[in-house]
Amino acid sequence: MIIIRPIQTSDYDALHRIAVESGHGFTSLPVNEELLTNRINHSVSSFDSQVTQPGNEGYLFVMEDTETGQVVGTSGIEAAVGLEDAFYHYHLGKVVHNSRELGIYNTVETLSLCNDYTGASEICTLFLSESHRKNNNGRFLSRFRFLFMAEHSERFSDTVIAEMRGVSDDDGRSPFWAWLEEHFFSMDFPTADYLTGIGKKVFIAELMPKYPIYVNLLSKDAQQVINKVHDKTVPALRLLEAEGFARRGYVDIFDAGPTVEATKGSIRTVNESRKYQVIFGDVDETTNYIICNTKVKDFRATQAHASVRETANQVVINHAVADALNIGEGDWVRIVAN
């Protein structure tokens, strides 16, 4: 059975393997022993914390195949970004150059450095090994986070964002960064991406252009990838758009990939999820549900068939599903159709 649970310190080797597999552009998992260890420890501490409002917590989950014991994916939520380290974006804007006397009216797009998403919750660190990219596992690995957010709403901000991976080639070269590198940074994209991933972000403030950049002054290659996603990221973007996430004109400062946002209460899975009390029995329904328990430190989620009894506010599951979720009869679960 496939389950999702909080990461544990014993998962280091699996997380390191995933960091290597994920490749360039996956800033939240740098291939660095100290940083990966810190990420795990911070997550363990976050799940242990008593929280009444979002702070510096970071929740990292793993997907595990219980038949083999193998960790096959990761998924994360940052409770409130930018509270300790500045959280940068470019915002796409417009400047109008107008001369009535000459009859000239030109609109020019600009990129302005900003910290507008400070305090927002961020869904992040989504990666699934190729061996398990089937059976709706990708959807499950993304959507279960909204069940966790719905159940523990006090831990997260009203604004939820996701940074989508921008365009880069197999060697990690970003056309957008290539222009910035040439004129301002003198370091390649993988290096800049890695430094950010290990928390060394001071160089951004030191070297990033302080004034708005006129988009039409960028190279043609750089202009063409602004607000575009990497080919491998298209399915993830479509899934989030189906949840109600939308672009608001913010792009990543390295590869110009779009950031999408939604208000927590408007997210489809948050709205459609319901809590039911568990009873055991045979299940003859064909509807597949994402089901999670209502715990924090001992959180578990899985996909399974279930029978919902709306009038009784009950859900029927079998013993195997209950064991996977670490629950007993009479406990409560939150579910949504997958």
Foldseek 3Di string as FASTA:
>chain_A
DKKKAFDALVCLVLLLVQLVVVDAQQLQRHNDSVLSNVLSVQQLVLLVDDFQAADQGKTKMFMADVVVRHTFWIKIKGAFPCPVPQDKWWFKDWDWDDDPVVGDIDIFIWTAIDRVRGGAMEIGRTDGHPVPPDPCVSVLRPLVVLVLCLLVVRHHDQKYKYAAGFDDDPVNAALQQVQCCVPWNVDGLRVQSNCVSSPNCPVCVVTPDNDIDTLVVGDPSNSVGAQHHYPVRVVVVVSQVVQVWDFDRIAHPRRNHTMTMDGSVSGNSSVQKDKAFEDEDDAPDPFKKWKWFSGRNLIMIDIDGWDADVVRRHIYDHPVVCVRRVHDGGGMMIMHTD
